[in-house]
N, C-alpha and C. Protein backbone atom coordinates (compact mmCIF):
# COMPACT_ATOMS: atom_id res chain seq x y z
N UNK A 1 0.97 -1.35 -0.03
CA UNK A 1 0.01 -0.04 -0.07
C UNK A 1 0.90 1.24 0.16
N UNK A 2 0.46 2.22 -0.82
CA UNK A 2 1.31 3.41 -0.97
C UNK A 2 0.75 4.53 0.00
N UNK A 3 1.72 5.31 0.48
CA UNK A 3 1.09 6.31 1.31
C UNK A 3 1.25 7.61 0.42
N UNK A 4 0.46 8.66 1.02
CA UNK A 4 0.23 10.00 0.23
C UNK A 4 1.44 10.96 0.83
N UNK A 5 2.47 10.40 1.12
CA UNK A 5 3.57 11.47 1.67
C UNK A 5 4.67 11.75 0.69
N UNK A 6 4.38 12.77 -0.06
CA UNK A 6 5.23 13.33 -1.20
C UNK A 6 5.28 12.44 -2.25
N UNK A 7 6.10 12.97 -3.21
CA UNK A 7 6.19 12.27 -4.48
C UNK A 7 6.72 10.99 -4.42
N UNK A 8 6.25 10.11 -5.40
CA UNK A 8 6.73 8.82 -5.75
C UNK A 8 7.21 8.55 -6.78
N UNK A 9 8.40 8.00 -6.91
CA UNK A 9 9.09 7.84 -8.25
C UNK A 9 9.34 6.24 -8.52
N UNK A 10 8.84 5.96 -9.59
CA UNK A 10 9.08 4.49 -10.36
C UNK A 10 10.11 4.36 -11.26
N UNK A 11 10.75 3.19 -11.44
CA UNK A 11 11.65 2.85 -12.30
C UNK A 11 11.17 1.98 -13.33
N UNK A 12 11.23 2.16 -14.59
CA UNK A 12 10.77 1.27 -15.48
C UNK A 12 11.97 0.81 -16.41
N UNK A 13 11.82 -0.47 -16.56
CA UNK A 13 12.85 -1.15 -17.81
C UNK A 13 12.51 -0.84 -19.00
N UNK A 14 13.04 -0.39 -19.91
CA UNK A 14 13.24 0.14 -21.13
C UNK A 14 13.70 -0.74 -21.93
N UNK A 15 13.12 -1.15 -23.12
CA UNK A 15 13.72 -2.14 -24.04
C UNK A 15 14.95 -1.51 -24.73
N UNK A 16 15.65 -2.22 -25.43
CA UNK A 16 16.79 -1.65 -26.17
C UNK A 16 16.27 -0.58 -27.25
N UNK A 17 15.18 -0.25 -27.25
CA UNK A 17 14.82 0.80 -28.39
C UNK A 17 14.15 1.82 -27.91
N UNK A 18 14.53 3.09 -28.52
CA UNK A 18 13.71 4.38 -28.08
C UNK A 18 13.68 5.25 -29.01
N UNK A 19 12.49 6.18 -29.03
CA UNK A 19 12.24 7.20 -30.19
C UNK A 19 12.48 8.60 -29.26
N UNK A 20 13.52 9.41 -30.01
CA UNK A 20 13.95 10.53 -29.23
C UNK A 20 13.92 11.70 -30.05
N UNK A 21 14.00 12.83 -29.67
CA UNK A 21 14.34 13.95 -30.31
C UNK A 21 15.59 14.23 -30.78
N UNK A 22 15.89 15.21 -31.66
CA UNK A 22 17.29 15.49 -32.08
C UNK A 22 18.28 15.87 -30.91
N UNK A 23 17.60 16.82 -29.90
CA UNK A 23 18.28 17.21 -28.95
C UNK A 23 18.76 16.01 -28.00
N UNK A 24 17.79 15.05 -27.64
CA UNK A 24 17.92 14.03 -26.80
C UNK A 24 18.99 13.07 -27.52
N UNK A 25 18.90 12.94 -28.86
CA UNK A 25 20.03 12.22 -29.66
C UNK A 25 21.37 12.55 -29.42
N UNK A 26 21.27 13.97 -29.48
CA UNK A 26 22.78 14.32 -29.33
C UNK A 26 23.39 14.23 -28.09
N UNK A 27 22.56 14.25 -26.88
CA UNK A 27 23.07 14.08 -25.57
C UNK A 27 23.32 12.60 -25.42
N UNK A 28 22.60 11.69 -25.93
CA UNK A 28 22.99 10.30 -25.85
C UNK A 28 24.27 10.03 -26.59
N UNK A 29 24.45 10.69 -27.66
CA UNK A 29 25.57 10.32 -28.39
C UNK A 29 26.99 10.95 -27.57
N UNK A 30 26.89 12.06 -26.99
CA UNK A 30 27.89 12.68 -26.33
C UNK A 30 28.33 11.96 -24.88
N UNK A 31 27.21 11.56 -24.50
CA UNK A 31 27.32 10.81 -23.09
C UNK A 31 27.64 9.27 -23.19
N UNK A 32 26.92 8.47 -24.30
CA UNK A 32 27.09 7.19 -24.13
C UNK A 32 27.10 6.65 -25.59
N UNK A 33 28.12 7.00 -26.41
CA UNK A 33 28.16 6.78 -27.82
C UNK A 33 28.35 5.23 -27.91
N UNK A 34 28.96 4.55 -27.17
CA UNK A 34 29.30 3.10 -27.19
C UNK A 34 27.86 2.37 -26.95
N UNK A 35 26.93 2.92 -26.44
CA UNK A 35 25.82 2.22 -26.19
C UNK A 35 24.72 2.07 -27.23
N UNK A 36 24.96 2.94 -28.23
CA UNK A 36 24.06 3.09 -29.30
C UNK A 36 24.59 2.16 -30.32
N UNK A 37 23.64 1.21 -30.44
CA UNK A 37 24.03 0.20 -31.68
C UNK A 37 23.55 0.79 -33.05
N UNK A 38 22.38 1.29 -33.25
CA UNK A 38 22.07 1.97 -34.55
C UNK A 38 21.10 3.01 -34.24
N UNK A 39 20.92 4.01 -35.39
CA UNK A 39 20.08 5.02 -35.32
C UNK A 39 19.46 5.24 -36.64
N UNK A 40 18.17 5.68 -36.59
CA UNK A 40 17.57 5.94 -37.95
C UNK A 40 16.76 7.07 -37.75
N UNK A 41 16.99 8.19 -38.80
CA UNK A 41 16.34 9.38 -38.69
C UNK A 41 14.89 9.33 -39.25
N UNK A 42 13.75 9.71 -38.65
CA UNK A 42 12.37 9.56 -39.25
C UNK A 42 11.78 10.89 -39.32
N UNK A 43 11.69 11.41 -40.62
CA UNK A 43 11.46 12.76 -40.89
C UNK A 43 9.98 13.02 -40.46
N UNK A 44 9.63 14.37 -40.18
CA UNK A 44 8.38 14.82 -39.91
C UNK A 44 7.42 14.77 -40.83
N UNK A 45 6.14 14.39 -40.47
CA UNK A 45 5.05 14.37 -41.73
C UNK A 45 4.85 15.75 -41.95
N UNK A 46 4.47 15.90 -43.30
CA UNK A 46 4.18 17.18 -43.82
C UNK A 46 3.03 17.89 -42.94
N UNK A 47 3.24 19.19 -42.55
CA UNK A 47 2.25 19.75 -41.85
C UNK A 47 2.20 19.68 -40.35
N UNK A 48 3.12 18.71 -39.89
CA UNK A 48 3.03 18.53 -38.25
C UNK A 48 4.11 19.23 -37.72
N UNK A 49 4.18 19.57 -36.44
CA UNK A 49 5.10 20.31 -35.71
C UNK A 49 6.34 19.61 -35.71
N UNK A 50 7.45 20.15 -35.42
CA UNK A 50 8.81 19.54 -34.89
C UNK A 50 9.68 19.24 -36.42
N UNK A 51 10.60 18.62 -36.10
CA UNK A 51 11.80 18.34 -37.04
C UNK A 51 12.00 16.85 -37.26
N UNK A 52 11.15 15.94 -36.69
CA UNK A 52 11.39 14.54 -36.90
C UNK A 52 11.96 13.96 -35.85
N UNK A 53 12.29 12.87 -35.76
CA UNK A 53 12.73 11.94 -34.64
C UNK A 53 13.89 11.01 -34.87
N UNK A 54 14.57 10.71 -33.83
CA UNK A 54 15.58 9.41 -34.26
C UNK A 54 14.99 8.21 -33.50
N UNK A 55 14.97 7.08 -34.22
CA UNK A 55 14.61 5.57 -33.68
C UNK A 55 15.90 5.18 -33.25
N UNK A 56 16.25 4.82 -32.15
CA UNK A 56 17.69 4.44 -31.89
C UNK A 56 17.49 2.95 -31.36
N UNK A 57 18.45 2.12 -31.40
CA UNK A 57 18.57 0.82 -30.79
C UNK A 57 19.71 0.85 -29.86
N UNK A 58 19.55 0.40 -28.74
CA UNK A 58 20.77 0.48 -27.81
C UNK A 58 21.29 -0.89 -27.37
N UNK A 59 22.52 -1.07 -27.09
CA UNK A 59 23.12 -2.36 -26.96
C UNK A 59 22.65 -3.03 -25.63
N UNK A 60 21.95 -2.38 -24.81
CA UNK A 60 21.42 -2.76 -23.49
C UNK A 60 20.20 -2.06 -23.19
N UNK A 61 19.48 -2.74 -22.25
CA UNK A 61 18.24 -2.22 -21.80
C UNK A 61 18.42 -1.15 -20.67
N UNK A 62 17.83 -0.14 -20.37
CA UNK A 62 18.02 0.84 -19.50
C UNK A 62 16.72 1.00 -18.73
N UNK A 63 17.01 1.53 -17.42
CA UNK A 63 15.81 2.13 -16.41
C UNK A 63 15.72 3.56 -16.72
N UNK A 64 14.46 3.92 -16.79
CA UNK A 64 14.15 5.17 -16.80
C UNK A 64 13.29 5.55 -15.48
N UNK A 65 13.45 6.65 -14.75
CA UNK A 65 12.71 6.88 -13.55
C UNK A 65 11.63 8.02 -14.02
N UNK A 66 10.31 7.70 -13.50
CA UNK A 66 9.09 8.66 -13.92
C UNK A 66 8.47 8.68 -12.62
N UNK A 67 7.78 10.05 -12.70
CA UNK A 67 7.06 10.35 -11.57
C UNK A 67 5.67 9.65 -11.61
N UNK A 68 5.36 8.83 -10.53
CA UNK A 68 4.25 8.16 -10.54
C UNK A 68 2.95 8.95 -10.09
N UNK A 69 1.75 9.22 -11.00
CA UNK A 69 0.90 9.96 -10.33
C UNK A 69 -0.28 9.37 -9.90
């Protein structure tokens, strides 16, 4: 049972694949270049906002912490 005393964070196991923005991709390449197995640029659809995304495959699975609401 969870108590309501402050914020609760949960860690989720993320498979070896991610879809990230260009800014996030650059940060990943700068910090963990060896962990990126492959990357593919996915251009934006005509009329949509943004500049597209990168679908990346990592050599290992990772955990990401999220605020549980």
